[in-house]
Amino acid sequence: MPRATNSPASRKRRKRILQAAKGFRGGRSKLITTAKDAVRKAKQYHYRDRKNRKRSFRNLWVQRINAACRGEGMTYSRFIEGLKASGIELDRKVLSDMAIHDAEGFSKILAAAKKALEAKTAAA
C-alpha cells in the first residue's frame, strides 16, 4: 500500500504560513519552520500591541491636554478635577482634539473648569 501524505492539505498549510510571513527578511519568509516560528511570534506581538496602542494613545492625549492647560496657567490634574466638578463629560480624546484644532473652545471649557473649581474650594 502506498504512503498517504495528504499532499494538497500539507501544501495548503505551508503556503498559508509562507503567505503570512511575506515581507519578513531572510529565511523567515522562505523556510517553513523558521517562518512558522516568526508568524507565531508576530501574532503574539500583534495581540499584545493592540492593547498597548490604547494605552499609548491615552498617554498622548493626556500630554496634549496638559500642554494646553499649562499654556493657560493650570495643571492637567486640576483641569480634570474642575471638569468633574462642573459636570462636563468629555473624554480625553475629544479634549486633546479640541486643544489642537479648536483653541478658543478649549479655553471656554478651561474657564468653566476653573470657575467650578473655585466654587468647589469656596464651598469647602
PDB file of N, CA and C in Angstrom:
ATOM      1  N   MET A   1       0.850  -1.181   0.000  1.00  0.00           N
ATOM      2  CA  MET A   1       0.000   0.000   0.000  1.00  0.00           C
ATOM      3  C   MET A   1       0.894   1.243   0.000  1.00  0.00           C
ATOM      4  N   PRO A   2       0.600   2.217  -0.869  1.00  0.00           N
ATOM      5  CA  PRO A   2       1.426   3.419  -0.929  1.00  0.00           C
ATOM      6  C   PRO A   2       1.241   4.306   0.304  1.00  0.00           C
ATOM      7  N   ARG A   3       2.262   5.097   0.566  1.00  0.00           N
ATOM      8  CA  ARG A   3       2.237   6.001   1.712  1.00  0.00           C
ATOM      9  C   ARG A   3       1.352   7.208   1.394  1.00  0.00           C
ATOM     10  N   ALA A   4       0.394   7.471   2.253  1.00  0.00           N
ATOM     11  CA  ALA A   4      -0.518   8.605   2.046  1.00  0.00           C
ATOM     12  C   ALA A   4       0.019   9.814   2.825  1.00  0.00           C
ATOM     13  N   THR A   5       0.224  10.922   2.126  1.00  0.00           N
ATOM     14  CA  THR A   5       0.790  12.103   2.782  1.00  0.00           C
ATOM     15  C   THR A   5      -0.199  13.257   2.866  1.00  0.00           C
ATOM     16  N   ASN A   6      -1.322  13.128   2.219  1.00  0.00           N
ATOM     17  CA  ASN A   6      -2.309  14.213   2.148  1.00  0.00           C
ATOM     18  C   ASN A   6      -1.623  15.475   1.652  1.00  0.00           C
ATOM     19  N   SER A   7      -0.970  15.334   0.529  1.00  0.00           N
ATOM     20  CA  SER A   7      -0.153  16.399  -0.034  1.00  0.00           C
ATOM     21  C   SER A   7      -0.903  17.720  -0.260  1.00  0.00           C
ATOM     22  N   PRO A   8      -2.123  17.723  -0.802  1.00  0.00           N
ATOM     23  CA  PRO A   8      -2.797  19.015  -1.025  1.00  0.00           C
ATOM     24  C   PRO A   8      -2.999  19.807   0.265  1.00  0.00           C
ATOM     25  N   ALA A   9      -3.381  19.121   1.338  1.00  0.00           N
ATOM     26  CA  ALA A   9      -3.617  19.822   2.603  1.00  0.00           C
ATOM     27  C   ALA A   9      -2.297  20.331   3.186  1.00  0.00           C
ATOM     28  N   SER A  10      -1.241  19.520   3.079  1.00  0.00           N
ATOM     29  CA  SER A  10       0.070  19.942   3.600  1.00  0.00           C
ATOM     30  C   SER A  10       0.571  21.161   2.848  1.00  0.00           C
ATOM     31  N   ARG A  11       0.433  21.125   1.524  1.00  0.00           N
ATOM     32  CA  ARG A  11       0.884  22.244   0.699  1.00  0.00           C
ATOM     33  C   ARG A  11       0.099  23.513   1.042  1.00  0.00           C
ATOM     34  N   LYS A  12      -1.212  23.356   1.218  1.00  0.00           N
ATOM     35  CA  LYS A  12      -2.056  24.495   1.547  1.00  0.00           C
ATOM     36  C   LYS A  12      -1.655  25.107   2.896  1.00  0.00           C
ATOM     37  N   ARG A  13      -1.376  24.230   3.859  1.00  0.00           N
ATOM     38  CA  ARG A  13      -0.983  24.691   5.200  1.00  0.00           C
ATOM     39  C   ARG A  13       0.333  25.460   5.140  1.00  0.00           C
ATOM     40  N   ARG A  14       1.303  24.888   4.406  1.00  0.00           N
ATOM     41  CA  ARG A  14       2.606  25.551   4.300  1.00  0.00           C
ATOM     42  C   ARG A  14       2.511  26.861   3.525  1.00  0.00           C
ATOM     43  N   LYS A  15       1.694  26.844   2.493  1.00  0.00           N
ATOM     44  CA  LYS A  15       1.521  28.042   1.677  1.00  0.00           C
ATOM     45  C   LYS A  15       0.900  29.169   2.515  1.00  0.00           C
ATOM     46  N   ARG A  16      -0.045  28.791   3.388  1.00  0.00           N
ATOM     47  CA  ARG A  16      -0.693  29.783   4.247  1.00  0.00           C
ATOM     48  C   ARG A  16       0.319  30.422   5.197  1.00  0.00           C
ATOM     49  N   ILE A  17       1.227  29.604   5.745  1.00  0.00           N
ATOM     50  CA  ILE A  17       2.269  30.125   6.649  1.00  0.00           C
ATOM     51  C   ILE A  17       3.205  31.056   5.893  1.00  0.00           C
ATOM     52  N   LEU A  18       3.664  30.631   4.713  1.00  0.00           N
ATOM     53  CA  LEU A  18       4.595  31.446   3.945  1.00  0.00           C
ATOM     54  C   LEU A  18       3.934  32.731   3.458  1.00  0.00           C
ATOM     55  N   GLN A  19       2.644  32.682   3.180  1.00  0.00           N
ATOM     56  CA  GLN A  19       1.921  33.890   2.778  1.00  0.00           C
ATOM     57  C   GLN A  19       1.854  34.879   3.937  1.00  0.00           C
ATOM     58  N   ALA A  20       1.648  34.362   5.155  1.00  0.00           N
ATOM     59  CA  ALA A  20       1.601  35.224   6.343  1.00  0.00           C
ATOM     60  C   ALA A  20       2.979  35.813   6.645  1.00  0.00           C
ATOM     61  N   ALA A  21       4.045  35.091   6.247  1.00  0.00           N
ATOM     62  CA  ALA A  21       5.413  35.545   6.517  1.00  0.00           C
ATOM     63  C   ALA A  21       5.966  36.391   5.378  1.00  0.00           C
ATOM     64  N   LYS A  22       5.142  36.737   4.424  1.00  0.00           N
ATOM     65  CA  LYS A  22       5.587  37.536   3.286  1.00  0.00           C
ATOM     66  C   LYS A  22       6.071  38.892   3.785  1.00  0.00           C
ATOM     67  N   GLY A  23       7.231  39.308   3.323  1.00  0.00           N
ATOM     68  CA  GLY A  23       7.787  40.583   3.752  1.00  0.00           C
ATOM     69  C   GLY A  23       8.794  40.443   4.879  1.00  0.00           C
ATOM     70  N   PHE A  24       8.842  39.267   5.527  1.00  0.00           N
ATOM     71  CA  PHE A  24       9.854  39.050   6.548  1.00  0.00           C
ATOM     72  C   PHE A  24      11.192  38.872   5.847  1.00  0.00           C
ATOM     73  N   ARG A  25      12.290  39.113   6.574  1.00  0.00           N
ATOM     74  CA  ARG A  25      13.612  39.072   5.961  1.00  0.00           C
ATOM     75  C   ARG A  25      14.237  37.685   6.045  1.00  0.00           C
ATOM     76  N   GLY A  26      14.976  37.329   5.014  1.00  0.00           N
ATOM     77  CA  GLY A  26      15.773  36.102   5.007  1.00  0.00           C
ATOM     78  C   GLY A  26      14.932  34.841   5.066  1.00  0.00           C
ATOM     79  N   GLY A  27      15.439  33.878   5.836  1.00  0.00           N
ATOM     80  CA  GLY A  27      14.777  32.582   5.943  1.00  0.00           C
ATOM     81  C   GLY A  27      13.424  32.654   6.618  1.00  0.00           C
ATOM     82  N   ARG A  28      13.150  33.752   7.301  1.00  0.00           N
ATOM     83  CA  ARG A  28      11.872  33.886   7.991  1.00  0.00           C
ATOM     84  C   ARG A  28      10.704  33.958   7.015  1.00  0.00           C
ATOM     85  N   SER A  29      10.984  34.252   5.753  1.00  0.00           N
ATOM     86  CA  SER A  29       9.913  34.258   4.760  1.00  0.00           C
ATOM     87  C   SER A  29      10.048  33.125   3.757  1.00  0.00           C
ATOM     88  N   LYS A  30      11.112  32.313   3.861  1.00  0.00           N
ATOM     89  CA  LYS A  30      11.364  31.276   2.860  1.00  0.00           C
ATOM     90  C   LYS A  30      11.288  29.857   3.424  1.00  0.00           C
ATOM     91  N   LEU A  31      11.804  29.661   4.649  1.00  0.00           N
ATOM     92  CA  LEU A  31      11.880  28.323   5.243  1.00  0.00           C
ATOM     93  C   LEU A  31      10.673  28.104   6.141  1.00  0.00           C
ATOM     94  N   ILE A  32      10.017  26.970   5.957  1.00  0.00           N
ATOM     95  CA  ILE A  32       8.729  26.755   6.618  1.00  0.00           C
ATOM     96  C   ILE A  32       8.837  26.746   8.141  1.00  0.00           C
ATOM     97  N   THR A  33       9.865  26.090   8.686  1.00  0.00           N
ATOM     98  CA  THR A  33       9.987  26.010  10.151  1.00  0.00           C
ATOM     99  C   THR A  33      10.263  27.387  10.751  1.00  0.00           C
ATOM    100  N   THR A  34      11.203  28.100  10.143  1.00  0.00           N
ATOM    101  CA  THR A  34      11.542  29.433  10.630  1.00  0.00           C
ATOM    102  C   THR A  34      10.363  30.381  10.450  1.00  0.00           C
ATOM    103  N   ALA A  35       9.680  30.258   9.314  1.00  0.00           N
ATOM    104  CA  ALA A  35       8.534  31.123   9.036  1.00  0.00           C
ATOM    105  C   ALA A  35       7.409  30.856  10.024  1.00  0.00           C
ATOM    106  N   LYS A  36       7.232  29.592  10.391  1.00  0.00           N
ATOM    107  CA  LYS A  36       6.177  29.230  11.338  1.00  0.00           C
ATOM    108  C   LYS A  36       6.425  29.894  12.689  1.00  0.00           C
ATOM    109  N   ASP A  37       7.685  29.847  13.146  1.00  0.00           N
ATOM    110  CA  ASP A  37       8.048  30.496  14.410  1.00  0.00           C
ATOM    111  C   ASP A  37       7.852  32.007  14.315  1.00  0.00           C
ATOM    112  N   ALA A  38       8.270  32.589  13.184  1.00  0.00           N
ATOM    113  CA  ALA A  38       8.178  34.036  13.007  1.00  0.00           C
ATOM    114  C   ALA A  38       6.725  34.501  12.985  1.00  0.00           C
ATOM    115  N   VAL A  39       5.868  33.739  12.318  1.00  0.00           N
ATOM    116  CA  VAL A  39       4.450  34.097  12.229  1.00  0.00           C
ATOM    117  C   VAL A  39       3.793  33.969  13.598  1.00  0.00           C
ATOM    118  N   ARG A  40       4.142  32.913  14.331  1.00  0.00           N
ATOM    119  CA  ARG A  40       3.570  32.725  15.667  1.00  0.00           C
ATOM    120  C   ARG A  40       3.952  33.896  16.579  1.00  0.00           C
ATOM    121  N   LYS A  41       5.229  34.301  16.521  1.00  0.00           N
ATOM    122  CA  LYS A  41       5.697  35.405  17.345  1.00  0.00           C
ATOM    123  C   LYS A  41       5.041  36.724  16.906  1.00  0.00           C
ATOM    124  N   ALA A  42       4.886  36.897  15.602  1.00  0.00           N
ATOM    125  CA  ALA A  42       4.260  38.116  15.082  1.00  0.00           C
ATOM    126  C   ALA A  42       2.821  38.233  15.576  1.00  0.00           C
ATOM    127  N   LYS A  43       2.127  37.104  15.637  1.00  0.00           N
ATOM    128  CA  LYS A  43       0.745  37.123  16.135  1.00  0.00           C
ATOM    129  C   LYS A  43       0.701  37.483  17.610  1.00  0.00           C
ATOM    130  N   GLN A  44       1.675  37.017  18.374  1.00  0.00           N
ATOM    131  CA  GLN A  44       1.732  37.368  19.800  1.00  0.00           C
ATOM    132  C   GLN A  44       1.959  38.875  19.972  1.00  0.00           C
ATOM    133  N   TYR A  45       2.894  39.417  19.189  1.00  0.00           N
ATOM    134  CA  TYR A  45       3.170  40.849  19.267  1.00  0.00           C
ATOM    135  C   TYR A  45       1.945  41.653  18.849  1.00  0.00           C
ATOM    136  N   HIS A  46       1.261  41.177  17.821  1.00  0.00           N
ATOM    137  CA  HIS A  46       0.096  41.893  17.310  1.00  0.00           C
ATOM    138  C   HIS A  46      -1.008  41.939  18.365  1.00  0.00           C
ATOM    139  N   TYR A  47      -1.232  40.836  19.040  1.00  0.00           N
ATOM    140  CA  TYR A  47      -2.247  40.781  20.101  1.00  0.00           C
ATOM    141  C   TYR A  47      -1.874  41.724  21.243  1.00  0.00           C
ATOM    142  N   ARG A  48      -0.608  41.644  21.669  1.00  0.00           N
ATOM    143  CA  ARG A  48      -0.143  42.483  22.778  1.00  0.00           C
ATOM    144  C   ARG A  48      -0.234  43.969  22.423  1.00  0.00           C
ATOM    145  N   ASP A  49       0.166  44.307  21.215  1.00  0.00           N
ATOM    146  CA  ASP A  49       0.248  45.708  20.844  1.00  0.00           C
ATOM    147  C   ASP A  49      -1.105  46.329  20.531  1.00  0.00           C
ATOM    148  N   ARG A  50      -2.114  45.509  20.266  1.00  0.00           N
ATOM    149  CA  ARG A  50      -3.461  46.067  20.147  1.00  0.00           C
ATOM    150  C   ARG A  50      -3.894  46.645  21.490  1.00  0.00           C
ATOM    151  N   LYS A  51      -3.463  46.014  22.576  1.00  0.00           N
ATOM    152  CA  LYS A  51      -3.765  46.533  23.914  1.00  0.00           C
ATOM    153  C   LYS A  51      -2.894  47.762  24.215  1.00  0.00           C
ATOM    154  N   ASN A  52      -1.623  47.688  23.846  1.00  0.00           N
ATOM    155  CA  ASN A  52      -0.689  48.778  24.141  1.00  0.00           C
ATOM    156  C   ASN A  52      -1.018  50.047  23.371  1.00  0.00           C
ATOM    157  N   ARG A  53      -1.624  49.897  22.179  1.00  0.00           N
ATOM    158  CA  ARG A  53      -1.965  51.068  21.376  1.00  0.00           C
ATOM    159  C   ARG A  53      -2.943  51.962  22.137  1.00  0.00           C
ATOM    160  N   LYS A  54      -3.910  51.350  22.811  1.00  0.00           N
ATOM    161  CA  LYS A  54      -4.891  52.112  23.583  1.00  0.00           C
ATOM    162  C   LYS A  54      -4.205  52.896  24.703  1.00  0.00           C
ATOM    163  N   ARG A  55      -3.264  52.245  25.367  1.00  0.00           N
ATOM    164  CA  ARG A  55      -2.508  52.869  26.449  1.00  0.00           C
ATOM    165  C   ARG A  55      -1.673  54.032  25.916  1.00  0.00           C
ATOM    166  N   SER A  56      -1.012  53.818  24.789  1.00  0.00           N
ATOM    167  CA  SER A  56      -0.140  54.847  24.212  1.00  0.00           C
ATOM    168  C   SER A  56      -0.933  56.073  23.784  1.00  0.00           C
ATOM    169  N   PHE A  57      -2.090  55.847  23.165  1.00  0.00           N
ATOM    170  CA  PHE A  57      -2.891  56.979  22.724  1.00  0.00           C
ATOM    171  C   PHE A  57      -3.431  57.763  23.908  1.00  0.00           C
ATOM    172  N   ARG A  58      -3.849  57.078  24.964  1.00  0.00           N
ATOM    173  CA  ARG A  58      -4.335  57.797  26.143  1.00  0.00           C
ATOM    174  C   ARG A  58      -3.226  58.678  26.720  1.00  0.00           C
ATOM    175  N   ASN A  59      -1.992  58.139  26.796  1.00  0.00           N
ATOM    176  CA  ASN A  59      -0.855  58.937  27.276  1.00  0.00           C
ATOM    177  C   ASN A  59      -0.617  60.163  26.397  1.00  0.00           C
ATOM    178  N   LEU A  60      -0.731  59.979  25.096  1.00  0.00           N
ATOM    179  CA  LEU A  60      -0.545  61.092  24.164  1.00  0.00           C
ATOM    180  C   LEU A  60      -1.600  62.167  24.387  1.00  0.00           C
ATOM    181  N   TRP A  61      -2.866  61.746  24.551  1.00  0.00           N
ATOM    182  CA  TRP A  61      -3.949  62.705  24.774  1.00  0.00           C
ATOM    183  C   TRP A  61      -3.722  63.487  26.063  1.00  0.00           C
ATOM    184  N   VAL A  62      -3.303  62.783  27.112  1.00  0.00           N
ATOM    185  CA  VAL A  62      -3.053  63.442  28.402  1.00  0.00           C
ATOM    186  C   VAL A  62      -1.943  64.479  28.256  1.00  0.00           C
ATOM    187  N   GLN A  63      -0.880  64.141  27.534  1.00  0.00           N
ATOM    188  CA  GLN A  63       0.228  65.076  27.333  1.00  0.00           C
ATOM    189  C   GLN A  63      -0.225  66.322  26.581  1.00  0.00           C
ATOM    190  N   ARG A  64      -1.052  66.117  25.560  1.00  0.00           N
ATOM    191  CA  ARG A  64      -1.530  67.259  24.776  1.00  0.00           C
ATOM    192  C   ARG A  64      -2.431  68.160  25.609  1.00  0.00           C
ATOM    193  N   ILE A  65      -3.321  67.551  26.390  1.00  0.00           N
ATOM    194  CA  ILE A  65      -4.215  68.340  27.248  1.00  0.00           C
ATOM    195  C   ILE A  65      -3.396  69.102  28.286  1.00  0.00           C
ATOM    196  N   ASN A  66      -2.425  68.426  28.870  1.00  0.00           N
ATOM    197  CA  ASN A  66      -1.572  69.046  29.883  1.00  0.00           C
ATOM    198  C   ASN A  66      -0.841  70.253  29.302  1.00  0.00           C
ATOM    199  N   ALA A  67      -0.302  70.109  28.094  1.00  0.00           N
ATOM    200  CA  ALA A  67       0.417  71.217  27.456  1.00  0.00           C
ATOM    201  C   ALA A  67      -0.521  72.398  27.224  1.00  0.00           C
ATOM    202  N   ALA A  68      -1.735  72.108  26.766  1.00  0.00           N
ATOM    203  CA  ALA A  68      -2.701  73.184  26.507  1.00  0.00           C
ATOM    204  C   ALA A  68      -3.131  73.859  27.811  1.00  0.00           C
ATOM    205  N   CYS A  69      -3.306  73.075  28.859  1.00  0.00           N
ATOM    206  CA  CYS A  69      -3.710  73.626  30.162  1.00  0.00           C
ATOM    207  C   CYS A  69      -2.615  74.507  30.747  1.00  0.00           C
ATOM    208  N   ARG A  70      -1.388  74.049  30.652  1.00  0.00           N
ATOM    209  CA  ARG A  70      -0.278  74.823  31.215  1.00  0.00           C
ATOM    210  C   ARG A  70      -0.082  76.132  30.465  1.00  0.00           C
ATOM    211  N   GLY A  71      -0.430  76.131  29.195  1.00  0.00           N
ATOM    212  CA  GLY A  71      -0.393  77.376  28.429  1.00  0.00           C
ATOM    213  C   GLY A  71      -1.395  78.391  28.961  1.00  0.00           C
ATOM    214  N   GLU A  72      -2.461  77.896  29.577  1.00  0.00           N
ATOM    215  CA  GLU A  72      -3.498  78.764  30.155  1.00  0.00           C
ATOM    216  C   GLU A  72      -3.295  78.975  31.655  1.00  0.00           C
ATOM    217  N   GLY A  73      -2.231  78.404  32.215  1.00  0.00           N
ATOM    218  CA  GLY A  73      -1.917  78.611  33.625  1.00  0.00           C
ATOM    219  C   GLY A  73      -2.613  77.657  34.574  1.00  0.00           C
ATOM    220  N   MET A  74      -2.826  76.435  34.152  1.00  0.00           N
ATOM    221  CA  MET A  74      -3.486  75.436  35.001  1.00  0.00           C
ATOM    222  C   MET A  74      -2.820  74.086  34.744  1.00  0.00           C
ATOM    223  N   THR A  75      -2.838  73.201  35.739  1.00  0.00           N
ATOM    224  CA  THR A  75      -2.264  71.876  35.539  1.00  0.00           C
ATOM    225  C   THR A  75      -3.348  70.912  35.063  1.00  0.00           C
ATOM    226  N   TYR A  76      -2.888  69.807  34.524  1.00  0.00           N
ATOM    227  CA  TYR A  76      -3.806  68.806  33.982  1.00  0.00           C
ATOM    228  C   TYR A  76      -4.727  68.245  35.066  1.00  0.00           C
ATOM    229  N   SER A  77      -4.156  67.906  36.210  1.00  0.00           N
ATOM    230  CA  SER A  77      -4.953  67.260  37.252  1.00  0.00           C
ATOM    231  C   SER A  77      -6.025  68.207  37.794  1.00  0.00           C
ATOM    232  N   ARG A  78      -5.675  69.482  37.951  1.00  0.00           N
ATOM    233  CA  ARG A  78      -6.659  70.471  38.415  1.00  0.00           C
ATOM    234  C   ARG A  78      -7.743  70.685  37.351  1.00  0.00           C
ATOM    235  N   PHE A  79      -7.350  70.632  36.092  1.00  0.00           N
ATOM    236  CA  PHE A  79      -8.307  70.776  34.990  1.00  0.00           C
ATOM    237  C   PHE A  79      -9.324  69.641  35.000  1.00  0.00           C
ATOM    238  N   ILE A  80      -8.837  68.418  35.162  1.00  0.00           N
ATOM    239  CA  ILE A  80      -9.731  67.250  35.189  1.00  0.00           C
ATOM    240  C   ILE A  80     -10.647  67.323  36.410  1.00  0.00           C
ATOM    241  N   GLU A  81     -10.102  67.759  37.532  1.00  0.00           N
ATOM    242  CA  GLU A  81     -10.915  67.922  38.745  1.00  0.00           C
ATOM    243  C   GLU A  81     -12.007  68.968  38.506  1.00  0.00           C
ATOM    244  N   GLY A  82     -11.656  70.054  37.844  1.00  0.00           N
ATOM    245  CA  GLY A  82     -12.625  71.101  37.523  1.00  0.00           C
ATOM    246  C   GLY A  82     -13.692  70.623  36.560  1.00  0.00           C
ATOM    247  N   LEU A  83     -13.298  69.791  35.590  1.00  0.00           N
ATOM    248  CA  LEU A  83     -14.277  69.232  34.652  1.00  0.00           C
ATOM    249  C   LEU A  83     -15.300  68.373  35.385  1.00  0.00           C
ATOM    250  N   LYS A  84     -14.817  67.533  36.286  1.00  0.00           N
ATOM    251  CA  LYS A  84     -15.719  66.674  37.050  1.00  0.00           C
ATOM    252  C   LYS A  84     -16.665  67.515  37.916  1.00  0.00           C
ATOM    253  N   ALA A  85     -16.116  68.575  38.515  1.00  0.00           N
ATOM    254  CA  ALA A  85     -16.925  69.447  39.369  1.00  0.00           C
ATOM    255  C   ALA A  85     -17.981  70.199  38.567  1.00  0.00           C
ATOM    256  N   SER A  86     -17.641  70.575  37.323  1.00  0.00           N
ATOM    257  CA  SER A  86     -18.592  71.332  36.506  1.00  0.00           C
ATOM    258  C   SER A  86     -19.574  70.426  35.774  1.00  0.00           C
ATOM    259  N   GLY A  87     -19.327  69.123  35.812  1.00  0.00           N
ATOM    260  CA  GLY A  87     -20.242  68.180  35.156  1.00  0.00           C
ATOM    261  C   GLY A  87     -20.031  68.052  33.660  1.00  0.00           C
ATOM    262  N   ILE A  88     -18.890  68.502  33.163  1.00  0.00           N
ATOM    263  CA  ILE A  88     -18.573  68.357  31.737  1.00  0.00           C
ATOM    264  C   ILE A  88     -18.005  66.964  31.521  1.00  0.00           C
ATOM    265  N   GLU A  89     -18.656  66.187  30.666  1.00  0.00           N
ATOM    266  CA  GLU A  89     -18.241  64.804  30.446  1.00  0.00           C
ATOM    267  C   GLU A  89     -17.688  64.629  29.033  1.00  0.00           C
ATOM    268  N   LEU A  90     -16.516  65.160  28.796  1.00  0.00           N
ATOM    269  CA  LEU A  90     -15.815  64.953  27.530  1.00  0.00           C
ATOM    270  C   LEU A  90     -14.632  64.033  27.793  1.00  0.00           C
ATOM    271  N   ASP A  91     -14.418  63.092  26.888  1.00  0.00           N
ATOM    272  CA  ASP A  91     -13.285  62.186  27.093  1.00  0.00           C
ATOM    273  C   ASP A  91     -11.992  62.852  26.643  1.00  0.00           C
ATOM    274  N   ARG A  92     -10.889  62.215  26.978  1.00  0.00           N
ATOM    275  CA  ARG A  92      -9.581  62.805  26.744  1.00  0.00           C
ATOM    276  C   ARG A  92      -9.264  62.934  25.254  1.00  0.00           C
ATOM    277  N   LYS A  93      -9.800  62.028  24.455  1.00  0.00           N
ATOM    278  CA  LYS A  93      -9.560  62.089  23.017  1.00  0.00           C
ATOM    279  C   LYS A  93     -10.165  63.368  22.435  1.00  0.00           C
ATOM    280  N   VAL A  94     -11.387  63.671  22.824  1.00  0.00           N
ATOM    281  CA  VAL A  94     -12.065  64.863  22.324  1.00  0.00           C
ATOM    282  C   VAL A  94     -11.386  66.119  22.857  1.00  0.00           C
ATOM    283  N   LEU A  95     -11.024  66.114  24.139  1.00  0.00           N
ATOM    284  CA  LEU A  95     -10.339  67.272  24.726  1.00  0.00           C
ATOM    285  C   LEU A  95      -9.013  67.540  24.028  1.00  0.00           C
ATOM    286  N   SER A  96      -8.283  66.476  23.731  1.00  0.00           N
ATOM    287  CA  SER A  96      -6.999  66.611  23.043  1.00  0.00           C
ATOM    288  C   SER A  96      -7.204  67.208  21.651  1.00  0.00           C
ATOM    289  N   ASP A  97      -8.206  66.713  20.953  1.00  0.00           N
ATOM    290  CA  ASP A  97      -8.500  67.216  19.614  1.00  0.00           C
ATOM    291  C   ASP A  97      -8.898  68.697  19.667  1.00  0.00           C
ATOM    292  N   MET A  98      -9.690  69.051  20.681  1.00  0.00           N
ATOM    293  CA  MET A  98     -10.084  70.450  20.840  1.00  0.00           C
ATOM    294  C   MET A  98      -8.876  71.328  21.147  1.00  0.00           C
ATOM    295  N   ALA A  99      -7.980  70.826  21.986  1.00  0.00           N
ATOM    296  CA  ALA A  99      -6.790  71.600  22.349  1.00  0.00           C
ATOM    297  C   ALA A  99      -5.947  71.926  21.126  1.00  0.00           C
ATOM    298  N   ILE A 100      -5.939  71.019  20.154  1.00  0.00           N
ATOM    299  CA  ILE A 100      -5.131  71.230  18.953  1.00  0.00           C
ATOM    300  C   ILE A 100      -5.863  72.077  17.918  1.00  0.00           C
ATOM    301  N   HIS A 101      -7.122  71.696  17.613  1.00  0.00           N
ATOM    302  CA  HIS A 101      -7.823  72.288  16.477  1.00  0.00           C
ATOM    303  C   HIS A 101      -8.789  73.421  16.837  1.00  0.00           C
ATOM    304  N   ASP A 102      -9.254  73.476  18.085  1.00  0.00           N
ATOM    305  CA  ASP A 102     -10.239  74.485  18.484  1.00  0.00           C
ATOM    306  C   ASP A 102      -9.799  75.114  19.800  1.00  0.00           C
ATOM    307  N   ALA A 103      -8.809  75.974  19.717  1.00  0.00           N
ATOM    308  CA  ALA A 103      -8.204  76.544  20.923  1.00  0.00           C
ATOM    309  C   ALA A 103      -9.187  77.397  21.720  1.00  0.00           C
ATOM    310  N   GLU A 104     -10.042  78.163  21.027  1.00  0.00           N
ATOM    311  CA  GLU A 104     -10.969  79.019  21.771  1.00  0.00           C
ATOM    312  C   GLU A 104     -12.042  78.194  22.477  1.00  0.00           C
ATOM    313  N   GLY A 105     -12.480  77.127  21.851  1.00  0.00           N
ATOM    314  CA  GLY A 105     -13.441  76.220  22.512  1.00  0.00           C
ATOM    315  C   GLY A 105     -12.830  75.568  23.736  1.00  0.00           C
ATOM    316  N   PHE A 106     -11.567  75.179  23.605  1.00  0.00           N
ATOM    317  CA  PHE A 106     -10.866  74.577  24.744  1.00  0.00           C
ATOM    318  C   PHE A 106     -10.702  75.596  25.861  1.00  0.00           C
ATOM    319  N   SER A 107     -10.433  76.848  25.502  1.00  0.00           N
ATOM    320  CA  SER A 107     -10.289  77.901  26.515  1.00  0.00           C
ATOM    321  C   SER A 107     -11.590  78.114  27.282  1.00  0.00           C
ATOM    322  N   LYS A 108     -12.724  78.027  26.568  1.00  0.00           N
ATOM    323  CA  LYS A 108     -14.027  78.173  27.237  1.00  0.00           C
ATOM    324  C   LYS A 108     -14.267  77.030  28.221  1.00  0.00           C
ATOM    325  N   ILE A 109     -13.920  75.828  27.812  1.00  0.00           N
ATOM    326  CA  ILE A 109     -14.074  74.669  28.710  1.00  0.00           C
ATOM    327  C   ILE A 109     -13.151  74.826  29.913  1.00  0.00           C
ATOM    328  N   LEU A 110     -11.930  75.292  29.670  1.00  0.00           N
ATOM    329  CA  LEU A 110     -10.983  75.503  30.753  1.00  0.00           C
ATOM    330  C   LEU A 110     -11.478  76.575  31.725  1.00  0.00           C
ATOM    331  N   ALA A 111     -12.104  77.615  31.188  1.00  0.00           N
ATOM    332  CA  ALA A 111     -12.661  78.673  32.040  1.00  0.00           C
ATOM    333  C   ALA A 111     -13.799  78.123  32.901  1.00  0.00           C
ATOM    334  N   ALA A 112     -14.629  77.259  32.303  1.00  0.00           N
ATOM    335  CA  ALA A 112     -15.727  76.647  33.059  1.00  0.00           C
ATOM    336  C   ALA A 112     -15.179  75.744  34.160  1.00  0.00           C
ATOM    337  N   ALA A 113     -14.096  75.022  33.856  1.00  0.00           N
ATOM    338  CA  ALA A 113     -13.478  74.146  34.854  1.00  0.00           C
ATOM    339  C   ALA A 113     -12.871  74.972  35.988  1.00  0.00           C
ATOM    340  N   LYS A 114     -12.238  76.100  35.644  1.00  0.00           N
ATOM    341  CA  LYS A 114     -11.672  76.991  36.672  1.00  0.00           C
ATOM    342  C   LYS A 114     -12.765  77.524  37.590  1.00  0.00           C
ATOM    343  N   LYS A 115     -13.868  77.951  36.963  1.00  0.00           N
ATOM    344  CA  LYS A 115     -14.984  78.508  37.727  1.00  0.00           C
ATOM    345  C   LYS A 115     -15.561  77.463  38.685  1.00  0.00           C
ATOM    346  N   ALA A 116     -15.750  76.235  38.194  1.00  0.00           N
ATOM    347  CA  ALA A 116     -16.289  75.156  39.030  1.00  0.00           C
ATOM    348  C   ALA A 116     -15.318  74.803  40.151  1.00  0.00           C
ATOM    349  N   LEU A 117     -14.034  74.873  39.857  1.00  0.00           N
ATOM    350  CA  LEU A 117     -13.014  74.582  40.866  1.00  0.00           C
ATOM    351  C   LEU A 117     -13.008  75.636  41.957  1.00  0.00           C
ATOM    352  N   GLU A 118     -13.136  76.896  41.556  1.00  0.00           N
ATOM    353  CA  GLU A 118     -13.200  77.971  42.544  1.00  0.00           C
ATOM    354  C   GLU A 118     -14.448  77.846  43.428  1.00  0.00           C
ATOM    355  N   ALA A 119     -15.570  77.490  42.829  1.00  0.00           N
ATOM    356  CA  ALA A 119     -16.807  77.293  43.587  1.00  0.00           C
ATOM    357  C   ALA A 119     -16.664  76.123  44.559  1.00  0.00           C
ATOM    358  N   LYS A 120     -15.965  75.100  44.114  1.00  0.00           N
ATOM    359  CA  LYS A 120     -15.756  73.920  44.960  1.00  0.00           C
ATOM    360  C   LYS A 120     -14.886  74.265  46.178  1.00  0.00           C
ATOM    361  N   THR A 121     -13.820  75.015  45.933  1.00  0.00           N
ATOM    362  CA  THR A 121     -12.927  75.390  47.038  1.00  0.00           C
ATOM    363  C   THR A 121     -13.595  76.399  47.971  1.00  0.00           C
ATOM    364  N   ALA A 122     -14.459  77.263  47.418  1.00  0.00           N
ATOM    365  CA  ALA A 122     -15.171  78.230  48.260  1.00  0.00           C
ATOM    366  C   ALA A 122     -16.189  77.525  49.155  1.00  0.00           C
ATOM    367  N   ALA A 123     -16.804  76.470  48.630  1.00  0.00           N
ATOM    368  CA  ALA A 123     -17.799  75.719  49.417  1.00  0.00           C
ATOM    369  C   ALA A 123     -17.132  74.928  50.529  1.00  0.00           C
ATOM    370  N   ALA A 124     -15.902  74.483  50.280  1.00  0.00           N
ATOM    371  CA  ALA A 124     -15.185  73.690  51.281  1.00  0.00           C
ATOM    372  C   ALA A 124     -14.500  74.614  52.247  1.00  0.00           C
TER     373      ALA A 124
END
